[in-house]
Amino acid sequence: MRIKINRVERPDRLKAYSRRTFLGVVCAALAQASTEPIIDIHQHTNYHGRNNEQLIAHQHTMGIGKTILLPAGSKYGLAANCGGNDTVIALAKAHPERFAFFANELPDIPATKPVIEKYLKAGAIGIGEQKFHVDCDSKYMQLIADIAKDYRVPVLMHFQYETYNLRFERFHKLLEKYPTVNFIGHAQTWWANIDKNCQQPVLYPKGRVTPGGITDRLLSDYPNSYGDLSAGSGLNAFLRDEDNARDFLKRHQDKLLFGSDCEDVVGAGNKCVGAQQIATVRRLAPDHAAVRKMLYGNASRLLKITANQAG
């Protein structure tokens, strides 16, 4: 299996807020965070060396009530910079009020099914982050979907052009073949394709968005298609064209779930893409009801979990 060098999503690829704008949105976010729970569906243990205590503090600063920990498989993908199945289950068992976890493994090895089933039986509530060099509708991803169907859990997938979950234009075939399995899309190629005029090699596109891209259509046409708002790619999708972002958030407010996927140890400011995305959703969403759906309600419904406000 040929693997290209992984490109970590970093917030420094994005244009920073002005000081006045940033302070305004952060103050508004903090005021609202005091009364609203948030579920973060996308975090990692040992993320570029960040320890568990730093992760707990980071999530608390962001105002997260419940965090989903996504493990690496045994190699490739996340394995170079994140913890695996045993690390996420250990942290979740130590702090069940704060964390839940997914199960993960490469989709194209003999150990795929037994490993994933082992951790699903141990309490995992989903599969992912699937971040491997296979076609997104291949027999390997169909195996992942079969497991998800049997255990009635969602699958979170990282789409990155010519690197992870290839042939994005064929993803609809997997959605159609497994209508009872919920798939959560994430990463550069997923978010670049909100634009009908997307140039696939461009992972962080800039400028105006023309509605009707592949991702826009998947969210509209398939009840089992959801979007993970996390990382620099998710934030870039909204900041590049805020007028389109307002319409997009209004149109897909029932299909979007907040995730952070940030590696910093602060949990606030321009280095924390998660904190910036929370503020952006609150600023651009059509109303408070939509904000609550995207920061809490959709994840609670899809993953069958609840969360109190951070404390």
Protein backbone atom coordinates (compact mmCIF):
# COMPACT_ATOMS: atom_id res chain seq x y z
CA MET A 1 0.00 0.00 0.00
CA ARG A 2 1.59 3.29 -1.14
CA ILE A 3 1.38 6.10 1.40
CA LYS A 4 2.08 9.74 0.75
CA ILE A 5 3.42 12.07 3.41
CA ASN A 6 0.64 13.10 5.76
CA ARG A 7 -0.26 16.77 5.83
CA VAL A 8 -1.48 17.78 9.28
CA GLU A 9 -4.23 20.35 9.25
CA ARG A 10 -3.06 23.49 11.03
CA PRO A 11 -4.91 26.72 11.78
CA ASP A 12 -1.93 28.82 10.70
CA ARG A 13 -2.99 28.12 7.09
CA LEU A 14 -5.96 30.40 7.72
CA LYS A 15 -6.24 34.15 7.73
CA ALA A 16 -6.35 35.25 11.37
CA TYR A 17 -9.15 37.37 12.76
CA SER A 18 -8.44 41.01 13.45
CA ARG A 19 -7.88 41.64 17.18
CA ARG A 20 -11.22 43.44 17.56
CA THR A 21 -13.21 40.80 15.66
CA PHE A 22 -11.52 37.93 17.44
CA LEU A 23 -12.09 39.40 20.91
CA GLY A 24 -15.71 40.07 20.06
CA VAL A 25 -16.53 36.57 18.89
CA VAL A 26 -14.59 34.96 21.75
CA CYS A 27 -16.39 37.04 24.38
CA ALA A 28 -19.75 36.14 22.85
CA ALA A 29 -18.75 32.50 22.69
CA LEU A 30 -17.65 32.44 26.33
CA ALA A 31 -20.89 34.07 27.47
CA GLN A 32 -22.99 31.50 25.67
CA ALA A 33 -20.72 28.61 26.70
CA SER A 34 -21.63 29.19 30.33
CA THR A 35 -25.13 27.83 29.71
CA GLU A 36 -24.76 25.49 26.72
CA PRO A 37 -23.25 21.99 26.57
CA ILE A 38 -20.98 21.15 23.65
CA ILE A 39 -20.05 17.75 22.23
CA ASP A 40 -16.71 17.56 20.40
CA ILE A 41 -16.79 14.55 18.05
CA HIS A 42 -13.14 14.74 16.96
CA GLN A 43 -10.12 14.63 19.26
CA HIS A 44 -7.04 12.42 19.63
CA THR A 45 -4.88 11.12 22.44
CA ASN A 46 -1.12 11.76 22.33
CA TYR A 47 -1.71 14.25 19.52
CA HIS A 48 1.83 15.33 18.54
CA GLY A 49 2.97 14.58 22.08
CA ARG A 50 0.16 16.31 23.99
CA ASN A 51 -0.48 14.33 27.18
CA ASN A 52 -3.82 13.42 28.74
CA GLU A 53 -3.72 16.19 31.34
CA GLN A 54 -3.10 18.78 28.64
CA LEU A 55 -5.94 17.34 26.53
CA ILE A 56 -8.36 17.49 29.47
CA ALA A 57 -7.38 21.11 30.18
CA HIS A 58 -7.66 22.00 26.47
CA GLN A 59 -11.19 20.61 26.22
CA HIS A 60 -12.24 22.31 29.45
CA THR A 61 -10.98 25.69 28.21
CA MET A 62 -12.96 25.25 24.98
CA GLY A 63 -16.09 24.55 27.04
CA ILE A 64 -16.56 20.95 25.92
CA GLY A 65 -18.89 18.78 27.98
CA LYS A 66 -18.20 15.49 26.15
CA THR A 67 -15.39 14.54 23.79
CA ILE A 68 -15.19 11.64 21.35
CA LEU A 69 -11.67 10.20 21.13
CA LEU A 70 -10.70 8.86 17.71
CA PRO A 71 -7.87 6.30 17.74
CA ALA A 72 -5.25 5.52 15.13
CA GLY A 73 -5.04 2.14 13.47
CA SER A 74 -1.97 -0.05 13.97
CA LYS A 75 -0.03 1.83 11.25
CA TYR A 76 -0.36 4.53 8.59
CA GLY A 77 -2.84 7.39 8.75
CA LEU A 78 -2.97 8.75 12.29
CA ALA A 79 -0.46 6.30 13.71
CA ALA A 80 2.53 8.63 13.31
CA ASN A 81 1.14 11.29 15.63
CA CYS A 82 -1.81 9.93 17.66
CA GLY A 83 -2.61 7.19 20.15
CA GLY A 84 -4.33 3.93 19.26
CA ASN A 85 -7.32 2.01 20.54
CA ASP A 86 -5.84 1.19 23.95
CA THR A 87 -5.03 4.83 24.70
CA VAL A 88 -8.53 6.12 23.97
CA ILE A 89 -10.29 3.40 25.92
CA ALA A 90 -8.01 3.99 28.92
CA LEU A 91 -8.73 7.74 29.02
CA ALA A 92 -12.46 7.25 28.46
CA LYS A 93 -12.69 4.65 31.22
CA ALA A 94 -10.78 6.93 33.59
CA HIS A 95 -13.06 9.90 32.84
CA PRO A 96 -16.39 8.55 31.52
CA GLU A 97 -18.15 11.83 32.24
CA ARG A 98 -15.78 13.63 29.87
CA PHE A 99 -14.95 11.13 27.12
CA ALA A 100 -16.36 8.44 24.85
CA PHE A 101 -14.41 6.66 22.11
CA PHE A 102 -14.49 5.11 18.65
CA ALA A 103 -12.74 1.96 17.44
CA ASN A 104 -10.32 1.89 14.53
CA GLU A 105 -8.04 -0.27 12.39
CA LEU A 106 -6.76 -0.39 8.81
CA PRO A 107 -9.59 -1.55 6.55
CA ASP A 108 -7.47 -3.83 4.35
CA ILE A 109 -5.69 -6.25 6.69
CA PRO A 110 -6.79 -9.60 8.19
CA ALA A 111 -7.07 -8.03 11.66
CA THR A 112 -9.62 -5.41 10.58
CA LYS A 113 -12.82 -7.11 11.73
CA PRO A 114 -11.60 -8.75 14.96
CA VAL A 115 -9.81 -5.61 16.17
CA ILE A 116 -12.68 -3.24 15.49
CA GLU A 117 -15.23 -5.64 16.94
CA LYS A 118 -13.10 -6.08 20.07
CA TYR A 119 -13.31 -2.38 20.86
CA LEU A 120 -16.94 -2.02 19.83
CA LYS A 121 -17.76 -4.75 22.32
CA ALA A 122 -15.69 -2.82 24.89
CA GLY A 123 -17.88 0.25 24.48
CA ALA A 124 -16.81 2.12 21.34
CA ILE A 125 -19.72 4.10 19.86
CA GLY A 126 -18.39 4.45 16.30
CA ILE A 127 -15.62 3.56 13.86
CA GLY A 128 -12.90 5.98 12.82
CA GLU A 129 -11.19 8.10 12.02
CA GLN A 130 -10.78 6.01 8.87
CA LYS A 131 -7.71 7.64 7.31
CA PHE A 132 -6.11 5.15 4.94
CA HIS A 133 -4.96 4.90 1.31
CA VAL A 134 -7.93 2.97 -0.14
CA ASP A 135 -10.75 3.87 -2.50
CA CYS A 136 -13.68 5.22 -0.52
CA ASP A 137 -16.14 2.75 -2.09
CA SER A 138 -13.74 -0.21 -2.19
CA LYS A 139 -14.36 -3.68 -0.77
CA TYR A 140 -12.26 -2.61 2.20
CA MET A 141 -14.56 0.27 3.08
CA GLN A 142 -17.52 -2.00 2.45
CA LEU A 143 -16.12 -4.25 5.18
CA ILE A 144 -16.01 -1.26 7.53
CA ALA A 145 -19.59 -0.43 6.56
CA ASP A 146 -20.69 -4.02 7.16
CA ILE A 147 -19.26 -3.91 10.68
CA ALA A 148 -20.91 -0.54 11.32
CA LYS A 149 -24.23 -1.92 10.09
CA ASP A 150 -24.02 -4.94 12.38
CA TYR A 151 -23.20 -2.83 15.43
CA ARG A 152 -25.40 0.14 14.46
CA VAL A 153 -22.65 2.73 14.78
CA PRO A 154 -21.47 5.55 12.49
CA VAL A 155 -18.22 5.73 10.51
CA LEU A 156 -16.06 8.88 10.43
CA MET A 157 -13.94 9.24 7.28
CA HIS A 158 -11.03 11.52 6.38
CA PHE A 159 -11.10 12.50 2.69
CA GLN A 160 -7.82 13.82 1.27
CA TYR A 161 -7.14 13.91 -2.46
CA GLU A 162 -4.84 11.09 -3.67
CA THR A 163 -3.91 10.26 -0.06
CA TYR A 164 -6.82 9.02 2.07
CA ASN A 165 -10.23 7.62 1.04
CA LEU A 166 -9.62 8.10 -2.65
CA ARG A 167 -12.10 8.68 -5.50
CA PHE A 168 -14.35 11.00 -3.53
CA GLU A 169 -16.64 11.40 -6.52
CA ARG A 170 -17.70 7.78 -5.96
CA PHE A 171 -18.53 8.09 -2.27
CA HIS A 172 -22.24 8.28 -3.05
CA LYS A 173 -22.07 4.60 -4.03
CA LEU A 174 -21.16 3.63 -0.47
CA LEU A 175 -23.94 5.82 0.92
CA GLU A 176 -26.43 4.17 -1.43
CA LYS A 177 -25.31 0.62 -0.68
CA TYR A 178 -25.52 1.15 3.10
CA PRO A 179 -28.53 3.40 3.72
CA THR A 180 -28.77 2.39 7.40
CA VAL A 181 -25.15 3.29 8.16
CA ASN A 182 -24.41 6.92 9.02
CA PHE A 183 -21.17 8.28 7.54
CA ILE A 184 -19.49 11.44 8.86
CA GLY A 185 -17.27 13.23 6.34
CA HIS A 186 -14.19 15.21 7.34
CA ALA A 187 -10.97 16.85 6.11
CA GLN A 188 -9.61 18.75 3.15
CA THR A 189 -11.33 17.12 0.19
CA TRP A 190 -14.65 16.87 2.00
CA TRP A 191 -14.70 20.61 2.79
CA ALA A 192 -13.15 21.83 -0.46
CA ASN A 193 -16.06 20.19 -2.27
CA ILE A 194 -18.73 22.44 -0.86
CA ASP A 195 -17.80 24.42 -4.00
CA LYS A 196 -19.20 23.29 -7.33
CA ASN A 197 -16.03 24.62 -8.98
CA CYS A 198 -13.65 22.74 -6.68
CA GLN A 199 -10.22 21.95 -8.12
CA GLN A 200 -9.50 18.61 -6.46
CA PRO A 201 -5.71 19.01 -5.93
CA VAL A 202 -6.29 22.29 -4.02
CA LEU A 203 -6.76 21.27 -0.38
CA TYR A 204 -7.32 24.72 1.15
CA PRO A 205 -9.09 26.74 -1.54
CA LYS A 206 -9.75 30.45 -1.15
CA GLY A 207 -12.33 32.83 -2.58
CA ARG A 208 -16.02 32.70 -3.36
CA VAL A 209 -17.94 29.43 -3.23
CA THR A 210 -20.45 28.31 -5.84
CA PRO A 211 -23.05 26.11 -4.09
CA GLY A 212 -23.73 22.63 -5.43
CA GLY A 213 -20.40 20.91 -4.93
CA ILE A 214 -20.16 17.19 -4.19
CA THR A 215 -20.28 17.65 -0.42
CA ASP A 216 -23.18 20.08 -0.63
CA ARG A 217 -25.15 17.54 -2.67
CA LEU A 218 -24.26 14.58 -0.45
CA LEU A 219 -25.55 16.39 2.62
CA SER A 220 -28.75 17.34 0.78
CA ASP A 221 -29.46 14.07 -1.01
CA TYR A 222 -28.44 11.34 1.44
CA PRO A 223 -30.03 11.05 4.90
CA ASN A 224 -27.03 9.01 6.10
CA SER A 225 -24.43 11.65 5.16
CA TYR A 226 -23.14 14.00 7.87
CA GLY A 227 -20.33 16.56 8.13
CA ASP A 228 -17.66 16.95 10.81
CA LEU A 229 -16.85 20.67 11.18
CA SER A 230 -13.35 20.10 12.53
CA ALA A 231 -9.83 21.15 11.66
CA GLY A 232 -8.40 23.89 9.49
CA SER A 233 -10.29 22.57 6.47
CA GLY A 234 -13.66 22.96 8.19
CA LEU A 235 -12.87 26.46 9.39
CA ASN A 236 -11.48 27.47 6.00
CA ALA A 237 -14.70 26.35 4.31
CA PHE A 238 -16.64 29.01 6.22
CA LEU A 239 -14.12 31.85 6.45
CA ARG A 240 -13.32 31.81 2.71
CA ASP A 241 -16.86 32.98 1.85
CA GLU A 242 -18.98 33.97 4.83
CA ASP A 243 -22.08 34.75 2.77
CA ASN A 244 -22.08 31.22 1.41
CA ALA A 245 -21.28 29.88 4.88
CA ARG A 246 -24.44 31.45 6.31
CA ASP A 247 -26.56 29.78 3.65
CA PHE A 248 -24.68 26.48 4.00
CA LEU A 249 -25.10 26.36 7.78
CA LYS A 250 -28.78 27.20 7.48
CA ARG A 251 -29.33 24.59 4.77
CA HIS A 252 -27.45 21.78 6.52
CA GLN A 253 -27.97 22.63 10.18
CA ASP A 254 -29.40 19.15 10.87
CA LYS A 255 -26.41 17.35 9.28
CA LEU A 256 -23.38 19.11 10.80
CA LEU A 257 -21.53 18.13 13.99
CA PHE A 258 -18.89 20.13 15.81
CA GLY A 259 -15.42 18.65 16.07
CA SER A 260 -12.16 20.37 16.96
CA ASP A 261 -9.26 18.10 15.84
CA CYS A 262 -6.77 20.67 17.11
CA GLU A 263 -3.40 19.70 18.51
CA ASP A 264 -2.57 22.75 20.63
CA VAL A 265 -2.49 22.73 24.43
CA VAL A 266 -4.21 26.08 24.96
CA GLY A 267 -7.86 25.64 23.96
CA ALA A 268 -8.33 29.30 23.03
CA GLY A 269 -6.98 31.97 20.71
CA ASN A 270 -5.67 31.83 17.17
CA LYS A 271 -3.72 28.61 17.77
CA CYS A 272 -6.89 26.69 18.66
CA VAL A 273 -8.88 25.90 15.54
CA GLY A 274 -11.64 24.34 17.66
CA ALA A 275 -12.27 27.54 19.62
CA GLN A 276 -12.30 29.52 16.37
CA GLN A 277 -14.82 27.14 14.80
CA ILE A 278 -17.16 27.37 17.80
CA ALA A 279 -17.06 31.16 17.53
CA THR A 280 -17.59 31.01 13.77
CA VAL A 281 -20.62 28.73 14.03
CA ARG A 282 -22.17 31.02 16.64
CA ARG A 283 -21.50 34.06 14.47
CA LEU A 284 -22.74 32.68 11.14
CA ALA A 285 -25.54 30.25 12.10
CA PRO A 286 -29.07 31.49 11.39
CA ASP A 287 -30.29 31.32 14.99
CA HIS A 288 -29.65 29.89 18.42
CA ALA A 289 -31.57 26.69 17.65
CA ALA A 290 -29.22 25.96 14.74
CA VAL A 291 -26.16 26.65 16.91
CA ARG A 292 -27.39 24.19 19.51
CA LYS A 293 -27.97 21.52 16.85
CA MET A 294 -24.45 21.81 15.46
CA LEU A 295 -22.63 22.11 18.78
CA TYR A 296 -24.68 19.55 20.68
CA GLY A 297 -27.99 18.24 19.41
CA ASN A 298 -26.96 16.50 16.19
CA ALA A 299 -24.10 14.64 17.86
CA SER A 300 -26.28 13.71 20.81
CA ARG A 301 -28.90 12.25 18.49
CA LEU A 302 -26.49 10.50 16.12
CA LEU A 303 -24.19 9.03 18.79
CA LYS A 304 -26.86 8.54 21.47
CA ILE A 305 -24.92 10.43 24.12
CA THR A 306 -25.50 13.45 26.35
CA ALA A 307 -23.22 16.02 27.93
CA ASN A 308 -23.42 18.61 30.66
CA GLN A 309 -21.80 22.01 30.28
CA ALA A 310 -18.07 21.94 30.96
CA GLY A 311 -17.26 22.25 34.63
